[in-house]
Amino acid sequence: MNVNDYIAANRGMDGYSWLTPRIYCADGFHLSVQASDSAYCSPRYNEGPWCSVEVGFPSAVPELILSYAEDDDNPLGTVYGYVPVELVDELVALHGGIANTDGARLEMQP
């Protein structure tokens, strides 16, 4: 499953029609990925597919997309605007792929 597929399948699960639940990867890495008319994405529509998305608040420093960080000094507490979906797909793949394909939070085992 790629990022566009995940957003399409899981948008609105948290009760907000435009919000997508965090992506949890197989190795425990997680991040927020949003795309809507109010996110830093392209196109800025509520329906995809999208060329770029907004990434936010990753659980580990996402070296692959650091150049998109809004706050270079706080890579875990910032958003990353207009990140090409291919880069986000690559970042997720580096962490073993999307583990929560249904948008549910996973309880990772130690």
N, C-alpha and C. Protein backbone atom coordinates (compact mmCIF):
# COMPACT_ATOMS: atom_id res chain seq x y z
N MET A 1 0.86 -1.19 0.00
CA MET A 1 0.00 0.00 0.00
C MET A 1 0.89 1.23 0.00
N ASN A 2 0.60 2.17 -0.89
CA ASN A 2 1.37 3.41 -0.90
C ASN A 2 0.61 4.50 -0.13
N VAL A 3 1.24 5.66 -0.01
CA VAL A 3 0.68 6.76 0.79
C VAL A 3 -0.66 7.23 0.23
N ASN A 4 -0.78 7.40 -1.07
CA ASN A 4 -2.06 7.82 -1.65
C ASN A 4 -3.16 6.81 -1.34
N ASP A 5 -2.86 5.52 -1.45
CA ASP A 5 -3.84 4.48 -1.13
C ASP A 5 -4.24 4.53 0.34
N TYR A 6 -3.24 4.73 1.22
CA TYR A 6 -3.51 4.78 2.66
C TYR A 6 -4.44 5.94 3.00
N ILE A 7 -4.16 7.11 2.44
CA ILE A 7 -5.00 8.28 2.72
C ILE A 7 -6.42 8.03 2.23
N ALA A 8 -6.56 7.52 1.02
CA ALA A 8 -7.89 7.25 0.46
C ALA A 8 -8.67 6.24 1.30
N ALA A 9 -8.00 5.24 1.82
CA ALA A 9 -8.67 4.18 2.58
C ALA A 9 -8.97 4.56 4.02
N ASN A 10 -8.25 5.54 4.58
CA ASN A 10 -8.34 5.80 6.02
C ASN A 10 -8.78 7.19 6.42
N ARG A 11 -8.95 8.08 5.46
CA ARG A 11 -9.36 9.44 5.80
C ARG A 11 -10.70 9.43 6.53
N GLY A 12 -10.79 10.24 7.57
CA GLY A 12 -12.03 10.40 8.31
C GLY A 12 -12.25 9.41 9.43
N MET A 13 -11.32 8.50 9.65
CA MET A 13 -11.50 7.50 10.71
C MET A 13 -11.51 8.10 12.10
N ASP A 14 -10.88 9.28 12.27
CA ASP A 14 -10.84 9.94 13.57
C ASP A 14 -12.02 10.88 13.79
N GLY A 15 -13.00 10.83 12.91
CA GLY A 15 -14.17 11.67 13.07
C GLY A 15 -14.10 13.00 12.33
N TYR A 16 -12.97 13.29 11.73
CA TYR A 16 -12.80 14.50 10.93
C TYR A 16 -12.66 14.07 9.48
N SER A 17 -13.49 14.58 8.62
CA SER A 17 -13.54 14.10 7.24
C SER A 17 -12.23 14.29 6.49
N TRP A 18 -11.38 15.21 6.93
CA TRP A 18 -10.15 15.51 6.21
C TRP A 18 -8.91 14.92 6.88
N LEU A 19 -9.05 14.36 8.08
CA LEU A 19 -7.89 13.90 8.85
C LEU A 19 -7.61 12.42 8.60
N THR A 20 -6.33 12.09 8.42
CA THR A 20 -5.90 10.72 8.20
C THR A 20 -5.12 10.27 9.43
N PRO A 21 -5.40 9.08 9.98
CA PRO A 21 -4.65 8.58 11.15
C PRO A 21 -3.16 8.42 10.82
N ARG A 22 -2.33 8.47 11.85
CA ARG A 22 -0.89 8.29 11.69
C ARG A 22 -0.58 6.98 10.99
N ILE A 23 0.49 6.98 10.25
CA ILE A 23 1.00 5.76 9.64
C ILE A 23 2.00 5.14 10.61
N TYR A 24 1.80 3.88 10.93
CA TYR A 24 2.74 3.10 11.75
C TYR A 24 3.41 2.09 10.84
N CYS A 25 4.74 2.09 10.88
CA CYS A 25 5.52 1.18 10.04
C CYS A 25 5.88 -0.09 10.79
N ALA A 26 6.34 -1.08 10.04
CA ALA A 26 6.65 -2.40 10.60
C ALA A 26 7.70 -2.34 11.71
N ASP A 27 8.65 -1.38 11.63
CA ASP A 27 9.70 -1.30 12.65
C ASP A 27 9.35 -0.39 13.82
N GLY A 28 8.12 0.14 13.86
CA GLY A 28 7.68 1.00 14.95
C GLY A 28 7.73 2.49 14.63
N PHE A 29 8.41 2.87 13.58
CA PHE A 29 8.46 4.26 13.16
C PHE A 29 7.04 4.71 12.80
N HIS A 30 6.68 5.94 13.16
CA HIS A 30 5.37 6.46 12.79
C HIS A 30 5.44 7.95 12.49
N LEU A 31 4.46 8.41 11.71
CA LEU A 31 4.41 9.79 11.27
C LEU A 31 2.99 10.12 10.84
N SER A 32 2.71 11.41 10.85
CA SER A 32 1.44 11.90 10.34
C SER A 32 1.63 12.25 8.87
N VAL A 33 0.67 11.86 8.05
CA VAL A 33 0.69 12.22 6.63
C VAL A 33 -0.71 12.75 6.29
N GLN A 34 -0.76 14.01 5.87
CA GLN A 34 -2.04 14.65 5.60
C GLN A 34 -2.07 15.23 4.18
N ALA A 35 -3.25 15.25 3.62
CA ALA A 35 -3.47 15.86 2.30
C ALA A 35 -4.92 16.32 2.24
N SER A 36 -5.10 17.62 2.11
CA SER A 36 -6.45 18.19 2.04
C SER A 36 -6.33 19.63 1.58
N ASP A 37 -7.46 20.32 1.52
CA ASP A 37 -7.42 21.72 1.10
C ASP A 37 -6.78 22.62 2.15
N SER A 38 -6.51 22.09 3.35
CA SER A 38 -5.87 22.90 4.39
C SER A 38 -4.48 22.39 4.77
N ALA A 39 -3.93 21.47 4.00
CA ALA A 39 -2.60 20.91 4.28
C ALA A 39 -1.59 21.42 3.27
N TYR A 40 -0.32 21.30 3.63
CA TYR A 40 0.77 21.65 2.72
C TYR A 40 0.98 20.50 1.74
N CYS A 41 0.11 20.44 0.74
CA CYS A 41 0.14 19.34 -0.23
C CYS A 41 -0.21 19.88 -1.61
N SER A 42 -0.05 19.03 -2.58
CA SER A 42 -0.43 19.40 -3.94
C SER A 42 -1.02 18.18 -4.64
N PRO A 43 -2.17 18.33 -5.26
CA PRO A 43 -3.00 19.53 -5.25
C PRO A 43 -3.66 19.72 -3.88
N ARG A 44 -4.08 20.92 -3.59
CA ARG A 44 -4.73 21.22 -2.31
C ARG A 44 -6.23 20.99 -2.42
N TYR A 45 -6.55 19.71 -2.59
CA TYR A 45 -7.93 19.26 -2.68
C TYR A 45 -8.16 18.18 -1.65
N ASN A 46 -9.41 17.87 -1.39
CA ASN A 46 -9.75 16.83 -0.42
C ASN A 46 -9.78 15.44 -1.04
N GLU A 47 -9.57 15.35 -2.33
CA GLU A 47 -9.52 14.05 -2.99
C GLU A 47 -8.25 13.98 -3.82
N GLY A 48 -7.61 12.81 -3.78
CA GLY A 48 -6.34 12.62 -4.49
C GLY A 48 -6.57 12.01 -5.84
N PRO A 49 -5.53 11.55 -6.44
CA PRO A 49 -4.21 11.35 -5.83
C PRO A 49 -3.44 12.66 -5.71
N TRP A 50 -2.46 12.66 -4.78
CA TRP A 50 -1.64 13.82 -4.53
C TRP A 50 -0.24 13.61 -5.05
N CYS A 51 0.39 14.68 -5.48
CA CYS A 51 1.79 14.67 -5.91
C CYS A 51 2.72 14.88 -4.72
N SER A 52 2.25 15.69 -3.76
CA SER A 52 3.01 15.95 -2.55
C SER A 52 2.04 16.00 -1.37
N VAL A 53 2.57 15.71 -0.19
CA VAL A 53 1.75 15.65 1.03
C VAL A 53 2.46 16.38 2.16
N GLU A 54 1.72 16.61 3.24
CA GLU A 54 2.27 17.18 4.45
C GLU A 54 2.61 16.05 5.41
N VAL A 55 3.84 16.02 5.87
CA VAL A 55 4.28 15.03 6.85
C VAL A 55 4.50 15.77 8.16
N GLY A 56 4.19 15.14 9.28
CA GLY A 56 4.39 15.81 10.55
C GLY A 56 4.75 14.89 11.68
N PHE A 57 5.52 15.44 12.59
CA PHE A 57 5.80 14.85 13.89
C PHE A 57 6.21 13.38 13.83
N PRO A 58 7.29 13.09 13.08
CA PRO A 58 7.75 11.71 12.99
C PRO A 58 8.33 11.24 14.32
N SER A 59 8.37 9.93 14.52
CA SER A 59 8.87 9.37 15.78
C SER A 59 10.39 9.26 15.80
N ALA A 60 11.05 9.43 14.67
CA ALA A 60 12.50 9.44 14.56
C ALA A 60 12.87 10.41 13.45
N VAL A 61 14.08 10.91 13.47
CA VAL A 61 14.51 11.88 12.47
C VAL A 61 14.43 11.26 11.08
N PRO A 62 13.62 11.84 10.20
CA PRO A 62 13.45 11.31 8.84
C PRO A 62 14.49 11.90 7.88
N GLU A 63 15.70 11.37 7.92
CA GLU A 63 16.81 11.90 7.13
C GLU A 63 16.43 12.16 5.67
N LEU A 64 15.64 11.28 5.11
CA LEU A 64 15.29 11.34 3.69
C LEU A 64 14.54 12.62 3.31
N ILE A 65 13.81 13.22 4.25
CA ILE A 65 12.98 14.39 3.94
C ILE A 65 13.35 15.62 4.76
N LEU A 66 14.50 15.62 5.41
CA LEU A 66 14.88 16.74 6.27
C LEU A 66 14.87 18.08 5.56
N SER A 67 15.16 18.10 4.29
CA SER A 67 15.19 19.38 3.56
C SER A 67 13.81 20.04 3.46
N TYR A 68 12.74 19.30 3.77
CA TYR A 68 11.38 19.85 3.72
C TYR A 68 10.89 20.34 5.09
N ALA A 69 11.71 20.22 6.12
CA ALA A 69 11.30 20.57 7.48
C ALA A 69 11.01 22.06 7.62
N GLU A 70 9.91 22.36 8.28
CA GLU A 70 9.57 23.75 8.56
C GLU A 70 10.52 24.32 9.61
N ASP A 71 10.89 23.50 10.61
CA ASP A 71 11.80 23.91 11.69
C ASP A 71 12.99 22.95 11.70
N ASP A 72 14.09 23.37 11.11
CA ASP A 72 15.29 22.54 11.02
C ASP A 72 15.84 22.13 12.38
N ASP A 73 15.60 22.94 13.40
CA ASP A 73 16.14 22.67 14.72
C ASP A 73 15.30 21.70 15.54
N ASN A 74 14.14 21.33 15.05
CA ASN A 74 13.24 20.45 15.80
C ASN A 74 12.62 19.41 14.86
N PRO A 75 13.43 18.50 14.33
CA PRO A 75 12.93 17.58 13.30
C PRO A 75 11.82 16.63 13.75
N LEU A 76 11.67 16.42 15.05
CA LEU A 76 10.60 15.53 15.54
C LEU A 76 9.33 16.31 15.88
N GLY A 77 9.43 17.62 16.01
CA GLY A 77 8.29 18.42 16.43
C GLY A 77 7.86 19.44 15.40
N THR A 78 8.02 19.10 14.14
CA THR A 78 7.68 20.06 13.08
C THR A 78 6.93 19.36 11.96
N VAL A 79 6.49 20.15 11.01
CA VAL A 79 5.86 19.60 9.81
C VAL A 79 6.81 19.75 8.64
N TYR A 80 6.58 18.93 7.64
CA TYR A 80 7.37 18.89 6.42
C TYR A 80 6.38 19.12 5.28
N GLY A 81 6.45 20.28 4.67
CA GLY A 81 5.46 20.64 3.67
C GLY A 81 5.85 20.26 2.26
N TYR A 82 4.84 19.91 1.49
CA TYR A 82 4.96 19.62 0.07
C TYR A 82 6.03 18.55 -0.22
N VAL A 83 6.02 17.48 0.56
CA VAL A 83 6.97 16.38 0.36
C VAL A 83 6.43 15.50 -0.77
N PRO A 84 7.22 15.26 -1.81
CA PRO A 84 6.75 14.39 -2.91
C PRO A 84 6.33 13.01 -2.37
N VAL A 85 5.19 12.53 -2.83
CA VAL A 85 4.69 11.24 -2.32
C VAL A 85 5.68 10.12 -2.56
N GLU A 86 6.46 10.19 -3.62
CA GLU A 86 7.45 9.15 -3.88
C GLU A 86 8.49 9.08 -2.76
N LEU A 87 8.87 10.25 -2.21
CA LEU A 87 9.81 10.27 -1.09
C LEU A 87 9.19 9.71 0.17
N VAL A 88 7.93 10.03 0.40
CA VAL A 88 7.25 9.49 1.58
C VAL A 88 7.10 7.98 1.44
N ASP A 89 6.74 7.51 0.26
CA ASP A 89 6.66 6.06 0.03
C ASP A 89 8.02 5.41 0.28
N GLU A 90 9.10 6.06 -0.15
CA GLU A 90 10.45 5.52 0.07
C GLU A 90 10.80 5.52 1.56
N LEU A 91 10.45 6.59 2.26
CA LEU A 91 10.70 6.68 3.70
C LEU A 91 9.97 5.56 4.44
N VAL A 92 8.71 5.35 4.11
CA VAL A 92 7.91 4.29 4.74
C VAL A 92 8.51 2.92 4.43
N ALA A 93 8.95 2.72 3.19
CA ALA A 93 9.57 1.45 2.81
C ALA A 93 10.85 1.19 3.59
N LEU A 94 11.63 2.24 3.86
CA LEU A 94 12.85 2.10 4.65
C LEU A 94 12.57 1.57 6.07
N HIS A 95 11.35 1.79 6.52
CA HIS A 95 10.95 1.36 7.86
C HIS A 95 10.06 0.11 7.82
N GLY A 96 10.12 -0.62 6.73
CA GLY A 96 9.42 -1.89 6.64
C GLY A 96 8.02 -1.84 6.06
N GLY A 97 7.59 -0.66 5.62
CA GLY A 97 6.26 -0.54 5.03
C GLY A 97 5.19 -0.21 6.06
N ILE A 98 4.01 0.08 5.56
CA ILE A 98 2.87 0.42 6.42
C ILE A 98 2.37 -0.85 7.10
N ALA A 99 2.34 -0.81 8.42
CA ALA A 99 1.89 -1.97 9.19
C ALA A 99 0.41 -1.87 9.55
N ASN A 100 -0.10 -0.66 9.67
CA ASN A 100 -1.50 -0.45 10.04
C ASN A 100 -2.31 -0.06 8.81
N THR A 101 -2.51 -0.98 7.92
CA THR A 101 -3.20 -0.66 6.67
C THR A 101 -4.64 -0.21 6.88
N ASP A 102 -5.20 -0.50 8.05
CA ASP A 102 -6.58 -0.08 8.31
C ASP A 102 -6.64 1.20 9.15
N GLY A 103 -5.51 1.85 9.36
CA GLY A 103 -5.49 3.11 10.12
C GLY A 103 -5.47 2.95 11.62
N ALA A 104 -5.57 1.72 12.12
CA ALA A 104 -5.57 1.49 13.56
C ALA A 104 -4.15 1.61 14.11
N ARG A 105 -4.04 2.12 15.33
CA ARG A 105 -2.73 2.23 15.97
C ARG A 105 -2.27 0.84 16.37
N LEU A 106 -1.02 0.56 16.11
CA LEU A 106 -0.47 -0.74 16.48
C LEU A 106 0.25 -0.62 17.83
N GLU A 107 0.13 -1.61 18.64
CA GLU A 107 0.92 -1.70 19.86
C GLU A 107 2.13 -2.53 19.52
N MET A 108 3.27 -1.87 19.39
CA MET A 108 4.48 -2.56 18.98
C MET A 108 5.06 -3.33 20.16
N GLN A 109 5.51 -4.53 19.91
CA GLN A 109 6.13 -5.36 20.94
C GLN A 109 7.60 -4.97 21.08
N PRO A 110 8.14 -4.99 22.32
CA PRO A 110 9.55 -4.64 22.52
C PRO A 110 10.47 -5.67 21.88
